Structure formats: structure tokens, C-alpha cells
Amino acid sequence: MENNAIFNVFFREKPAMMLVSLKNSKNEIYASSLAKVIDCTYSHVVKILQEMEKAGLVNFEKEGRLKLLTLTKKGEEIAEHIDKIRTLLHKK
């Protein structure tokens, strides 16, 4: 089984990669830029982010007309674990 396929057995790829991308982002990130990074539609990203916000994983911070995305402490911890698992699954 291909490495990415085994990762997808454990996690839904897009939501997991959203958290990891937010964790690894060096710059401010918005839903539209996150959609481009993970190759997903903007509306799908927003829907997932709203669920993550309800679960206490991400925050939306209004910045003018845009909403800046940040991870909560809980979101950072989960993203870190997902990233570690992804790394372990990719090792040969």
C-alpha cells in the first residue's frame, strides 16, 4: 500500500492536512490561501474550519474584511501528532 494511502486509512486527508498546514505556516494564513495549499475548494475549507472551530481547534480573527486563521493550543497539539504520524508512515 502506498504511503499516502495508508495515511488516508487513519485520517481524512484534507482536514488533517489543513491542521498540519496551519501548524507549519510561517506567514498569516486565511481560508482562501489554505484552500490553495491543500488543493481544495474554498467552500469546503470553510465548512471544515467551522467544524474545527466548534471543536476548539482553530480560531478566526477578523482582520479588516479577512479572517486570519490560528490554531488553538488543542489544535496545535493535534496537528503536531498528525504530523508525527504522517512522518512515521512515510519512513521506509
C-alpha atoms as a PDB file:
ATOM      1  CA  MET A   1       0.000   0.000   0.000  1.00  0.00           C
ATOM      2  CA  GLU A   2       1.330   3.445  -0.932  1.00  0.00           C
ATOM      3  CA  ASN A   3       2.409   5.681   1.997  1.00  0.00           C
ATOM      4  CA  ASN A   4      -0.258   8.305   1.340  1.00  0.00           C
ATOM      5  CA  ALA A   5      -2.919   5.636   1.056  1.00  0.00           C
ATOM      6  CA  ILE A   6      -2.109   4.239   4.499  1.00  0.00           C
ATOM      7  CA  PHE A   7      -2.238   7.758   5.978  1.00  0.00           C
ATOM      8  CA  ASN A   8      -5.704   8.176   4.461  1.00  0.00           C
ATOM      9  CA  VAL A   9      -6.802   4.947   6.126  1.00  0.00           C
ATOM     10  CA  PHE A  10      -6.309   6.636   9.511  1.00  0.00           C
ATOM     11  CA  PHE A  11      -7.224  10.229   8.647  1.00  0.00           C
ATOM     12  CA  ARG A  12      -9.329  12.112   6.144  1.00  0.00           C
ATOM     13  CA  GLU A  13      -6.631  13.755   4.085  1.00  0.00           C
ATOM     14  CA  LYS A  14      -7.964  17.311   3.638  1.00  0.00           C
ATOM     15  CA  PRO A  15      -8.911  18.083   7.259  1.00  0.00           C
ATOM     16  CA  ALA A  16      -5.701  16.502   8.574  1.00  0.00           C
ATOM     17  CA  MET A  17      -3.589  18.450   6.104  1.00  0.00           C
ATOM     18  CA  MET A  18      -5.427  21.660   6.964  1.00  0.00           C
ATOM     19  CA  LEU A  19      -4.292  21.359  10.579  1.00  0.00           C
ATOM     20  CA  VAL A  20      -0.734  20.430   9.593  1.00  0.00           C
ATOM     21  CA  SER A  21      -0.578  23.299   7.072  1.00  0.00           C
ATOM     22  CA  LEU A  22      -1.774  25.766   9.715  1.00  0.00           C
ATOM     23  CA  LYS A  23       0.832  24.439  12.153  1.00  0.00           C
ATOM     24  CA  ASN A  24       3.669  24.679   9.621  1.00  0.00           C
ATOM     25  CA  SER A  25       2.673  28.052   8.155  1.00  0.00           C
ATOM     26  CA  LYS A  26       5.347  30.710   8.526  1.00  0.00           C
ATOM     27  CA  ASN A  27       3.014  33.538   7.451  1.00  0.00           C
ATOM     28  CA  GLU A  28      -0.502  34.621   8.293  1.00  0.00           C
ATOM     29  CA  ILE A  29      -2.979  32.301   6.638  1.00  0.00           C
ATOM     30  CA  TYR A  30      -6.555  32.760   5.501  1.00  0.00           C
ATOM     31  CA  ALA A  31      -9.167  30.235   4.332  1.00  0.00           C
ATOM     32  CA  SER A  32      -8.603  31.159   0.684  1.00  0.00           C
ATOM     33  CA  SER A  33      -4.837  30.623   0.869  1.00  0.00           C
ATOM     34  CA  LEU A  34      -5.322  27.401   2.860  1.00  0.00           C
ATOM     35  CA  ALA A  35      -7.662  26.125   0.119  1.00  0.00           C
ATOM     36  CA  LYS A  36      -4.896  26.643  -2.451  1.00  0.00           C
ATOM     37  CA  VAL A  37      -2.263  24.939  -0.280  1.00  0.00           C
ATOM     38  CA  ILE A  38      -4.302  21.765   0.216  1.00  0.00           C
ATOM     39  CA  ASP A  39      -5.896  21.859  -3.259  1.00  0.00           C
ATOM     40  CA  CYS A  40      -9.478  22.097  -2.074  1.00  0.00           C
ATOM     41  CA  THR A  41     -12.423  24.392  -2.778  1.00  0.00           C
ATOM     42  CA  TYR A  42     -12.838  27.466  -0.621  1.00  0.00           C
ATOM     43  CA  SER A  43     -16.372  26.483   0.431  1.00  0.00           C
ATOM     44  CA  HIS A  44     -15.227  23.010   1.538  1.00  0.00           C
ATOM     45  CA  VAL A  45     -12.349  24.523   3.543  1.00  0.00           C
ATOM     46  CA  VAL A  46     -14.682  26.972   5.295  1.00  0.00           C
ATOM     47  CA  LYS A  47     -17.141  24.187   6.145  1.00  0.00           C
ATOM     48  CA  ILE A  48     -14.365  22.063   7.696  1.00  0.00           C
ATOM     49  CA  LEU A  49     -12.881  25.083   9.513  1.00  0.00           C
ATOM     50  CA  GLN A  50     -16.268  25.883  11.050  1.00  0.00           C
ATOM     51  CA  GLU A  51     -16.444  22.331  12.427  1.00  0.00           C
ATOM     52  CA  MET A  52     -12.880  22.662  13.721  1.00  0.00           C
ATOM     53  CA  GLU A  53     -13.798  25.949  15.387  1.00  0.00           C
ATOM     54  CA  LYS A  54     -16.747  24.265  17.147  1.00  0.00           C
ATOM     55  CA  ALA A  55     -14.339  21.545  18.337  1.00  0.00           C
ATOM     56  CA  GLY A  56     -11.971  24.182  19.730  1.00  0.00           C
ATOM     57  CA  LEU A  57      -9.148  23.526  17.252  1.00  0.00           C
ATOM     58  CA  VAL A  58      -8.992  26.807  15.296  1.00  0.00           C
ATOM     59  CA  ASN A  59      -9.819  30.469  15.799  1.00  0.00           C
ATOM     60  CA  PHE A  60     -10.961  33.039  13.256  1.00  0.00           C
ATOM     61  CA  GLU A  61      -9.577  36.512  13.944  1.00  0.00           C
ATOM     62  CA  LYS A  62     -11.149  39.352  11.962  1.00  0.00           C
ATOM     63  CA  GLU A  63      -8.562  41.467  10.183  1.00  0.00           C
ATOM     64  CA  GLY A  64     -10.448  44.024   8.133  1.00  0.00           C
ATOM     65  CA  ARG A  65     -12.540  42.092   5.624  1.00  0.00           C
ATOM     66  CA  LEU A  66     -10.459  38.945   6.051  1.00  0.00           C
ATOM     67  CA  LYS A  67     -10.425  36.323   8.777  1.00  0.00           C
ATOM     68  CA  LEU A  68      -6.994  35.211   9.907  1.00  0.00           C
ATOM     69  CA  LEU A  69      -6.764  31.556  10.958  1.00  0.00           C
ATOM     70  CA  THR A  70      -4.878  30.425  14.040  1.00  0.00           C
ATOM     71  CA  LEU A  71      -4.674  27.127  15.866  1.00  0.00           C
ATOM     72  CA  THR A  72      -5.722  26.865  19.485  1.00  0.00           C
ATOM     73  CA  LYS A  73      -3.442  25.063  21.936  1.00  0.00           C
ATOM     74  CA  LYS A  74      -5.544  21.910  21.449  1.00  0.00           C
ATOM     75  CA  GLY A  75      -5.373  22.346  17.655  1.00  0.00           C
ATOM     76  CA  GLU A  76      -1.584  22.716  17.775  1.00  0.00           C
ATOM     77  CA  GLU A  77      -1.217  19.543  19.833  1.00  0.00           C
ATOM     78  CA  ILE A  78      -3.414  17.538  17.461  1.00  0.00           C
ATOM     79  CA  ALA A  79      -1.637  18.937  14.381  1.00  0.00           C
ATOM     80  CA  GLU A  80       1.727  18.003  15.914  1.00  0.00           C
ATOM     81  CA  HIS A  81       0.583  14.418  16.492  1.00  0.00           C
ATOM     82  CA  ILE A  82      -0.862  14.129  12.976  1.00  0.00           C
ATOM     83  CA  ASP A  83       2.400  15.434  11.520  1.00  0.00           C
ATOM     84  CA  LYS A  84       4.427  12.910  13.552  1.00  0.00           C
ATOM     85  CA  ILE A  85       2.208  10.044  12.421  1.00  0.00           C
ATOM     86  CA  ARG A  86       2.458  11.198   8.795  1.00  0.00           C
ATOM     87  CA  THR A  87       6.251  11.314   9.103  1.00  0.00           C
ATOM     88  CA  LEU A  88       6.388   7.838  10.629  1.00  0.00           C
ATOM     89  CA  LEU A  89       4.173   6.395   7.884  1.00  0.00           C
ATOM     90  CA  HIS A  90       6.450   7.866   5.191  1.00  0.00           C
ATOM     91  CA  LYS A  91       9.612   6.289   6.630  1.00  0.00           C
ATOM     92  CA  LYS A  92      10.865   3.269   4.770  1.00  0.00           C
END
